[in-house]
Amino acid sequence: MPDTTALKVAIVEDQPRIREGLRVLIDGTEGFRCSGSFASMELAIEGIGRDLPDVALVDIGLPEMSGIDGTRLLKQDHPQLAILMLTVYDDDRRIFDALCAGACGYLLKKTPPARLLESLREVAGGGAPMSPEVARRVVALFREIRPPEGAGHDLTPHEIRVLKLLVEGHNYKTAAAELDVSINTIRFHMRSIYEKLQVHSKSEAVAKSLRQRIVR
């Protein structure tokens, strides 16, 4: 009988050796279960709903449909699905496009197995894990850009601080600790942010803030 308490993870990776290695790692670790293993986004879109995972671990450089385009479609079909990119690419354009498509985190394939497993739990819990190189690029991007006049959607300074922490990879718990407030306070601010940005999830809020350069 499958462990119904285990974190379910689907893998979308075209290289058989890497795909099988990830499957063995996930199925061989207590508290995790591989719910599906797919060699392309087309196969994932068709089959992932048969045993819907908590997290999809998705490569970008796939044959035919890219992982970024597939992420958009997966989020349309399964809005609650958390998607964690696992790729060799660390350029600004792909990072930006992946986050805007709905990815909740972005890791490089050189990530150690223990950190990968930790990141899967983190993203399932509402976090946004990123490899250090990726996080530095995201932070640098926000330091360099300036939002156009009127693009702040009437967010308060505190709401912008909360949003910036989420962009940098914090979850509700760590953002609350950083601001020395309760998790309920963070949830209150997030409800206001969702309403003002007209979004329905944290990943959509982060993506919109990236597109419209809301966070300074």
C-alpha atoms as a PDB file:
ATOM      1  CA  MET A   1       0.000   0.000   0.000  1.00  0.00           C
ATOM      2  CA  PRO A   2       1.399   3.460  -0.867  1.00  0.00           C
ATOM      3  CA  ASP A   3       2.224   5.795   1.988  1.00  0.00           C
ATOM      4  CA  THR A   4      -0.560   8.379   1.865  1.00  0.00           C
ATOM      5  CA  THR A   5       1.397  10.715   4.151  1.00  0.00           C
ATOM      6  CA  ALA A   6       4.447  10.865   1.871  1.00  0.00           C
ATOM      7  CA  LEU A   7       5.219  13.951  -0.204  1.00  0.00           C
ATOM      8  CA  LYS A   8       4.288  13.038  -3.778  1.00  0.00           C
ATOM      9  CA  VAL A   9       6.743  14.214  -6.439  1.00  0.00           C
ATOM     10  CA  ALA A  10       6.464  13.930 -10.224  1.00  0.00           C
ATOM     11  CA  ILE A  11       9.567  14.148 -12.431  1.00  0.00           C
ATOM     12  CA  VAL A  12       9.698  15.678 -15.905  1.00  0.00           C
ATOM     13  CA  GLU A  13      13.163  15.004 -17.354  1.00  0.00           C
ATOM     14  CA  ASP A  14      14.158  13.766 -20.802  1.00  0.00           C
ATOM     15  CA  GLN A  15      17.533  12.222 -19.917  1.00  0.00           C
ATOM     16  CA  PRO A  16      16.862   8.628 -18.761  1.00  0.00           C
ATOM     17  CA  ARG A  17      19.866   8.421 -16.424  1.00  0.00           C
ATOM     18  CA  ILE A  18      18.969  11.621 -14.597  1.00  0.00           C
ATOM     19  CA  ARG A  19      15.258  10.776 -14.542  1.00  0.00           C
ATOM     20  CA  GLU A  20      15.898   7.343 -13.065  1.00  0.00           C
ATOM     21  CA  GLY A  21      18.405   8.738 -10.558  1.00  0.00           C
ATOM     22  CA  LEU A  22      15.829  11.243  -9.317  1.00  0.00           C
ATOM     23  CA  ARG A  23      13.179   8.535  -9.087  1.00  0.00           C
ATOM     24  CA  VAL A  24      15.460   6.289  -7.041  1.00  0.00           C
ATOM     25  CA  LEU A  25      16.397   9.200  -4.753  1.00  0.00           C
ATOM     26  CA  ILE A  26      12.766  10.156  -4.140  1.00  0.00           C
ATOM     27  CA  ASP A  27      11.372   6.635  -3.742  1.00  0.00           C
ATOM     28  CA  GLY A  28      14.355   5.641  -1.599  1.00  0.00           C
ATOM     29  CA  THR A  29      13.891   8.477   0.895  1.00  0.00           C
ATOM     30  CA  GLU A  30      11.442   8.107   3.756  1.00  0.00           C
ATOM     31  CA  GLY A  31       8.586  10.567   3.532  1.00  0.00           C
ATOM     32  CA  PHE A  32       8.749  10.882  -0.265  1.00  0.00           C
ATOM     33  CA  ARG A  33       7.062   9.037  -3.130  1.00  0.00           C
ATOM     34  CA  CYS A  34       7.487   9.419  -6.889  1.00  0.00           C
ATOM     35  CA  SER A  35       3.973   9.692  -8.330  1.00  0.00           C
ATOM     36  CA  GLY A  36       5.075   9.806 -11.951  1.00  0.00           C
ATOM     37  CA  SER A  37       8.131   9.979 -14.184  1.00  0.00           C
ATOM     38  CA  PHE A  38       7.831  11.604 -17.614  1.00  0.00           C
ATOM     39  CA  ALA A  39      10.273  12.058 -20.483  1.00  0.00           C
ATOM     40  CA  SER A  40       8.487  15.078 -21.966  1.00  0.00           C
ATOM     41  CA  MET A  41       6.051  17.838 -21.049  1.00  0.00           C
ATOM     42  CA  GLU A  42       3.488  16.361 -23.432  1.00  0.00           C
ATOM     43  CA  LEU A  43       3.518  13.078 -21.505  1.00  0.00           C
ATOM     44  CA  ALA A  44       3.424  14.931 -18.181  1.00  0.00           C
ATOM     45  CA  ILE A  45       0.431  17.066 -19.172  1.00  0.00           C
ATOM     46  CA  GLU A  46      -1.415  13.934 -20.293  1.00  0.00           C
ATOM     47  CA  GLY A  47      -0.588  11.724 -17.312  1.00  0.00           C
ATOM     48  CA  ILE A  48       0.232  13.801 -14.247  1.00  0.00           C
ATOM     49  CA  GLY A  49      -3.398  14.064 -13.154  1.00  0.00           C
ATOM     50  CA  ARG A  50      -3.718  10.282 -12.712  1.00  0.00           C
ATOM     51  CA  ASP A  51      -1.859  10.578  -9.406  1.00  0.00           C
ATOM     52  CA  LEU A  52      -1.562  14.314  -8.887  1.00  0.00           C
ATOM     53  CA  PRO A  53       1.651  15.139  -7.023  1.00  0.00           C
ATOM     54  CA  ASP A  54       2.298  17.790  -4.423  1.00  0.00           C
ATOM     55  CA  VAL A  55       5.347  18.991  -6.366  1.00  0.00           C
ATOM     56  CA  ALA A  56       6.453  18.596  -9.983  1.00  0.00           C
ATOM     57  CA  LEU A  57      10.215  18.655 -10.556  1.00  0.00           C
ATOM     58  CA  VAL A  58      10.603  20.017 -14.086  1.00  0.00           C
ATOM     59  CA  ASP A  59      13.547  20.372 -16.463  1.00  0.00           C
ATOM     60  CA  ILE A  60      13.581  23.315 -18.892  1.00  0.00           C
ATOM     61  CA  GLY A  61      15.499  21.950 -21.888  1.00  0.00           C
ATOM     62  CA  LEU A  62      13.052  19.273 -23.016  1.00  0.00           C
ATOM     63  CA  PRO A  63      12.317  17.954 -26.530  1.00  0.00           C
ATOM     64  CA  GLU A  64       9.405  19.643 -28.297  1.00  0.00           C
ATOM     65  CA  MET A  65       7.614  21.681 -25.590  1.00  0.00           C
ATOM     66  CA  SER A  66       9.950  23.396 -23.123  1.00  0.00           C
ATOM     67  CA  GLY A  67       9.589  23.047 -19.376  1.00  0.00           C
ATOM     68  CA  ILE A  68       8.635  26.726 -19.140  1.00  0.00           C
ATOM     69  CA  ASP A  69       5.795  26.451 -21.682  1.00  0.00           C
ATOM     70  CA  GLY A  70       4.681  23.229 -20.030  1.00  0.00           C
ATOM     71  CA  THR A  71       4.664  24.877 -16.621  1.00  0.00           C
ATOM     72  CA  ARG A  72       2.134  27.426 -17.865  1.00  0.00           C
ATOM     73  CA  LEU A  73      -0.155  24.639 -19.068  1.00  0.00           C
ATOM     74  CA  LEU A  74       0.248  22.555 -15.919  1.00  0.00           C
ATOM     75  CA  LYS A  75      -0.639  25.564 -13.755  1.00  0.00           C
ATOM     76  CA  GLN A  76      -3.736  26.181 -15.872  1.00  0.00           C
ATOM     77  CA  ASP A  77      -4.907  22.581 -15.404  1.00  0.00           C
ATOM     78  CA  HIS A  78      -3.722  22.187 -11.782  1.00  0.00           C
ATOM     79  CA  PRO A  79      -3.419  25.610 -10.094  1.00  0.00           C
ATOM     80  CA  GLN A  80      -2.588  24.040  -6.732  1.00  0.00           C
ATOM     81  CA  LEU A  81       0.407  22.128  -8.126  1.00  0.00           C
ATOM     82  CA  ALA A  82       3.771  23.443  -6.916  1.00  0.00           C
ATOM     83  CA  ILE A  83       6.426  23.393  -9.660  1.00  0.00           C
ATOM     84  CA  LEU A  84      10.148  23.379  -8.956  1.00  0.00           C
ATOM     85  CA  MET A  85      12.475  23.882 -11.918  1.00  0.00           C
ATOM     86  CA  LEU A  86      15.625  21.725 -11.999  1.00  0.00           C
ATOM     87  CA  THR A  87      17.886  22.758 -14.852  1.00  0.00           C
ATOM     88  CA  VAL A  88      21.394  23.545 -16.042  1.00  0.00           C
ATOM     89  CA  TYR A  89      20.354  27.026 -17.186  1.00  0.00           C
ATOM     90  CA  ASP A  90      21.098  29.994 -14.927  1.00  0.00           C
ATOM     91  CA  ASP A  91      20.570  32.930 -17.321  1.00  0.00           C
ATOM     92  CA  ASP A  92      18.298  35.822 -16.407  1.00  0.00           C
ATOM     93  CA  ARG A  93      15.798  35.267 -19.219  1.00  0.00           C
ATOM     94  CA  ARG A  94      15.006  31.662 -18.350  1.00  0.00           C
ATOM     95  CA  ILE A  95      14.857  32.402 -14.622  1.00  0.00           C
ATOM     96  CA  PHE A  96      12.481  35.307 -15.277  1.00  0.00           C
ATOM     97  CA  ASP A  97      10.322  33.334 -17.725  1.00  0.00           C
ATOM     98  CA  ALA A  98      10.096  30.303 -15.410  1.00  0.00           C
ATOM     99  CA  LEU A  99       8.948  32.379 -12.433  1.00  0.00           C
ATOM    100  CA  CYS A 100       6.455  34.276 -14.581  1.00  0.00           C
ATOM    101  CA  ALA A 101       5.119  30.952 -15.897  1.00  0.00           C
ATOM    102  CA  GLY A 102       4.279  29.873 -12.347  1.00  0.00           C
ATOM    103  CA  ALA A 103       7.358  28.060 -11.040  1.00  0.00           C
ATOM    104  CA  CYS A 104       7.668  28.270  -7.250  1.00  0.00           C
ATOM    105  CA  GLY A 105      11.423  27.655  -7.159  1.00  0.00           C
ATOM    106  CA  TYR A 106      14.475  27.306  -9.371  1.00  0.00           C
ATOM    107  CA  LEU A 107      17.379  24.922  -8.728  1.00  0.00           C
ATOM    108  CA  LEU A 108      20.427  24.033 -10.766  1.00  0.00           C
ATOM    109  CA  LYS A 109      21.139  20.383 -11.511  1.00  0.00           C
ATOM    110  CA  LYS A 110      24.359  20.497  -9.508  1.00  0.00           C
ATOM    111  CA  THR A 111      22.246  20.885  -6.352  1.00  0.00           C
ATOM    112  CA  PRO A 112      23.257  18.170  -3.822  1.00  0.00           C
ATOM    113  CA  PRO A 113      20.628  15.455  -3.223  1.00  0.00           C
ATOM    114  CA  ALA A 114      20.053  16.465   0.416  1.00  0.00           C
ATOM    115  CA  ARG A 115      19.395  20.077  -0.601  1.00  0.00           C
ATOM    116  CA  LEU A 116      17.106  18.919  -3.409  1.00  0.00           C
ATOM    117  CA  LEU A 117      14.972  16.909  -0.974  1.00  0.00           C
ATOM    118  CA  GLU A 118      14.920  19.830   1.451  1.00  0.00           C
ATOM    119  CA  SER A 119      13.794  22.123  -1.386  1.00  0.00           C
ATOM    120  CA  LEU A 120      10.961  19.766  -2.334  1.00  0.00           C
ATOM    121  CA  ARG A 121       9.623  19.961   1.213  1.00  0.00           C
ATOM    122  CA  GLU A 122      10.163  23.713   1.264  1.00  0.00           C
ATOM    123  CA  VAL A 123       8.229  24.365  -1.941  1.00  0.00           C
ATOM    124  CA  ALA A 124       5.405  22.059  -0.804  1.00  0.00           C
ATOM    125  CA  GLY A 125       5.187  24.150   2.371  1.00  0.00           C
ATOM    126  CA  GLY A 126       4.844  27.426   0.495  1.00  0.00           C
ATOM    127  CA  GLY A 127       8.518  28.355   0.136  1.00  0.00           C
ATOM    128  CA  ALA A 128      10.396  29.433  -2.969  1.00  0.00           C
ATOM    129  CA  PRO A 129      13.788  27.684  -2.924  1.00  0.00           C
ATOM    130  CA  MET A 130      16.495  28.831  -5.309  1.00  0.00           C
ATOM    131  CA  SER A 131      20.097  27.893  -5.907  1.00  0.00           C
ATOM    132  CA  PRO A 132      22.416  30.579  -4.478  1.00  0.00           C
ATOM    133  CA  GLU A 133      23.495  31.713  -7.953  1.00  0.00           C
ATOM    134  CA  VAL A 134      19.868  32.109  -9.014  1.00  0.00           C
ATOM    135  CA  ALA A 135      18.862  33.956  -5.837  1.00  0.00           C
ATOM    136  CA  ARG A 136      21.720  36.432  -6.358  1.00  0.00           C
ATOM    137  CA  ARG A 137      20.525  37.125  -9.903  1.00  0.00           C
ATOM    138  CA  VAL A 138      16.950  37.701  -8.743  1.00  0.00           C
ATOM    139  CA  VAL A 139      18.041  40.052  -5.965  1.00  0.00           C
ATOM    140  CA  ALA A 140      20.335  41.939  -8.356  1.00  0.00           C
ATOM    141  CA  LEU A 141      17.486  42.314 -10.825  1.00  0.00           C
ATOM    142  CA  PHE A 142      15.258  43.929  -8.216  1.00  0.00           C
ATOM    143  CA  ARG A 143      18.013  46.270  -7.095  1.00  0.00           C
ATOM    144  CA  GLU A 144      18.597  47.479 -10.640  1.00  0.00           C
ATOM    145  CA  ILE A 145      15.055  47.983 -11.875  1.00  0.00           C
ATOM    146  CA  ARG A 146      12.721  50.842 -10.998  1.00  0.00           C
ATOM    147  CA  PRO A 147       8.964  50.440 -11.311  1.00  0.00           C
ATOM    148  CA  PRO A 148       7.127  52.814 -13.638  1.00  0.00           C
ATOM    149  CA  GLU A 149       4.983  55.490 -12.017  1.00  0.00           C
ATOM    150  CA  GLY A 150       1.683  54.091 -10.761  1.00  0.00           C
ATOM    151  CA  ALA A 151       2.753  50.455 -11.033  1.00  0.00           C
ATOM    152  CA  GLY A 152       2.633  49.808  -7.307  1.00  0.00           C
ATOM    153  CA  HIS A 153      -1.097  48.979  -7.250  1.00  0.00           C
ATOM    154  CA  ASP A 154      -1.450  51.018  -4.038  1.00  0.00           C
ATOM    155  CA  LEU A 155       0.553  48.486  -2.051  1.00  0.00           C
ATOM    156  CA  THR A 156       1.636  49.804   1.320  1.00  0.00           C
ATOM    157  CA  PRO A 157       5.368  49.901   2.178  1.00  0.00           C
ATOM    158  CA  HIS A 158       4.867  46.946   4.536  1.00  0.00           C
ATOM    159  CA  GLU A 159       3.078  44.918   1.835  1.00  0.00           C
ATOM    160  CA  ILE A 160       5.950  45.622  -0.547  1.00  0.00           C
ATOM    161  CA  ARG A 161       8.434  44.442   2.110  1.00  0.00           C
ATOM    162  CA  VAL A 162       6.449  41.210   2.516  1.00  0.00           C
ATOM    163  CA  LEU A 163       6.334  40.704  -1.249  1.00  0.00           C
ATOM    164  CA  LYS A 164      10.076  41.346  -1.578  1.00  0.00           C
ATOM    165  CA  LEU A 165      10.818  38.691   1.064  1.00  0.00           C
ATOM    166  CA  LEU A 166       8.718  36.155  -0.845  1.00  0.00           C
ATOM    167  CA  VAL A 167      10.544  37.012  -4.072  1.00  0.00           C
ATOM    168  CA  GLU A 168      13.845  36.381  -2.266  1.00  0.00           C
ATOM    169  CA  GLY A 169      12.692  32.873  -1.341  1.00  0.00           C
ATOM    170  CA  HIS A 170      11.111  33.261   2.094  1.00  0.00           C
ATOM    171  CA  ASN A 171       7.983  31.366   3.086  1.00  0.00           C
ATOM    172  CA  TYR A 172       5.330  32.766   5.437  1.00  0.00           C
ATOM    173  CA  LYS A 173       7.128  31.492   8.548  1.00  0.00           C
ATOM    174  CA  THR A 174      10.560  32.901   7.698  1.00  0.00           C
ATOM    175  CA  ALA A 175       9.068  36.162   6.416  1.00  0.00           C
ATOM    176  CA  ALA A 176       7.245  36.541   9.739  1.00  0.00           C
ATOM    177  CA  ALA A 177      10.505  35.947  11.620  1.00  0.00           C
ATOM    178  CA  GLU A 178      12.362  38.433   9.419  1.00  0.00           C
ATOM    179  CA  LEU A 179       9.758  41.148  10.078  1.00  0.00           C
ATOM    180  CA  ASP A 180       9.210  40.108  13.719  1.00  0.00           C
ATOM    181  CA  VAL A 181       5.469  39.600  13.225  1.00  0.00           C
ATOM    182  CA  SER A 182       3.123  36.614  13.437  1.00  0.00           C
ATOM    183  CA  ILE A 183       2.344  34.281  10.539  1.00  0.00           C
ATOM    184  CA  ASN A 184      -1.267  35.470  10.751  1.00  0.00           C
ATOM    185  CA  THR A 185      -0.030  39.025  10.109  1.00  0.00           C
ATOM    186  CA  ILE A 186       1.792  37.805   6.991  1.00  0.00           C
ATOM    187  CA  ARG A 187      -1.385  36.019   5.854  1.00  0.00           C
ATOM    188  CA  PHE A 188      -3.372  39.217   6.415  1.00  0.00           C
ATOM    189  CA  HIS A 189      -0.950  41.206   4.260  1.00  0.00           C
ATOM    190  CA  MET A 190      -0.965  38.498   1.572  1.00  0.00           C
ATOM    191  CA  ARG A 191      -4.765  38.627   1.304  1.00  0.00           C
ATOM    192  CA  SER A 192      -4.484  42.359   0.724  1.00  0.00           C
ATOM    193  CA  ILE A 193      -1.682  41.863  -1.818  1.00  0.00           C
ATOM    194  CA  TYR A 194      -3.744  39.252  -3.720  1.00  0.00           C
ATOM    195  CA  GLU A 195      -6.702  41.625  -3.865  1.00  0.00           C
ATOM    196  CA  LYS A 196      -4.666  44.622  -5.022  1.00  0.00           C
ATOM    197  CA  LEU A 197      -2.680  42.674  -7.620  1.00  0.00           C
ATOM    198  CA  GLN A 198      -5.753  40.654  -8.656  1.00  0.00           C
ATOM    199  CA  VAL A 199      -3.959  37.314  -8.286  1.00  0.00           C
ATOM    200  CA  HIS A 200      -4.845  34.088  -6.500  1.00  0.00           C
ATOM    201  CA  SER A 201      -1.540  32.568  -5.371  1.00  0.00           C
ATOM    202  CA  LYS A 202       1.883  33.480  -4.083  1.00  0.00           C
ATOM    203  CA  SER A 203       3.591  32.417  -7.311  1.00  0.00           C
ATOM    204  CA  GLU A 204       1.234  34.659  -9.332  1.00  0.00           C
ATOM    205  CA  ALA A 205       1.980  37.576  -6.999  1.00  0.00           C
ATOM    206  CA  VAL A 206       5.735  37.053  -7.379  1.00  0.00           C
ATOM    207  CA  ALA A 207       5.427  36.701 -11.163  1.00  0.00           C
ATOM    208  CA  LYS A 208       3.361  39.890 -11.473  1.00  0.00           C
ATOM    209  CA  SER A 209       5.796  41.833  -9.322  1.00  0.00           C
ATOM    210  CA  LEU A 210       8.587  40.662 -11.637  1.00  0.00           C
ATOM    211  CA  ARG A 211       6.709  41.600 -14.808  1.00  0.00           C
ATOM    212  CA  GLN A 212       5.592  44.996 -13.565  1.00  0.00           C
ATOM    213  CA  ARG A 213       8.698  45.809 -11.513  1.00  0.00           C
ATOM    214  CA  ILE A 214       6.709  46.513  -8.363  1.00  0.00           C
ATOM    215  CA  VAL A 215       9.374  45.572  -5.823  1.00  0.00           C
ATOM    216  CA  ARG A 216      12.264  48.011  -5.490  1.00  0.00           C
END
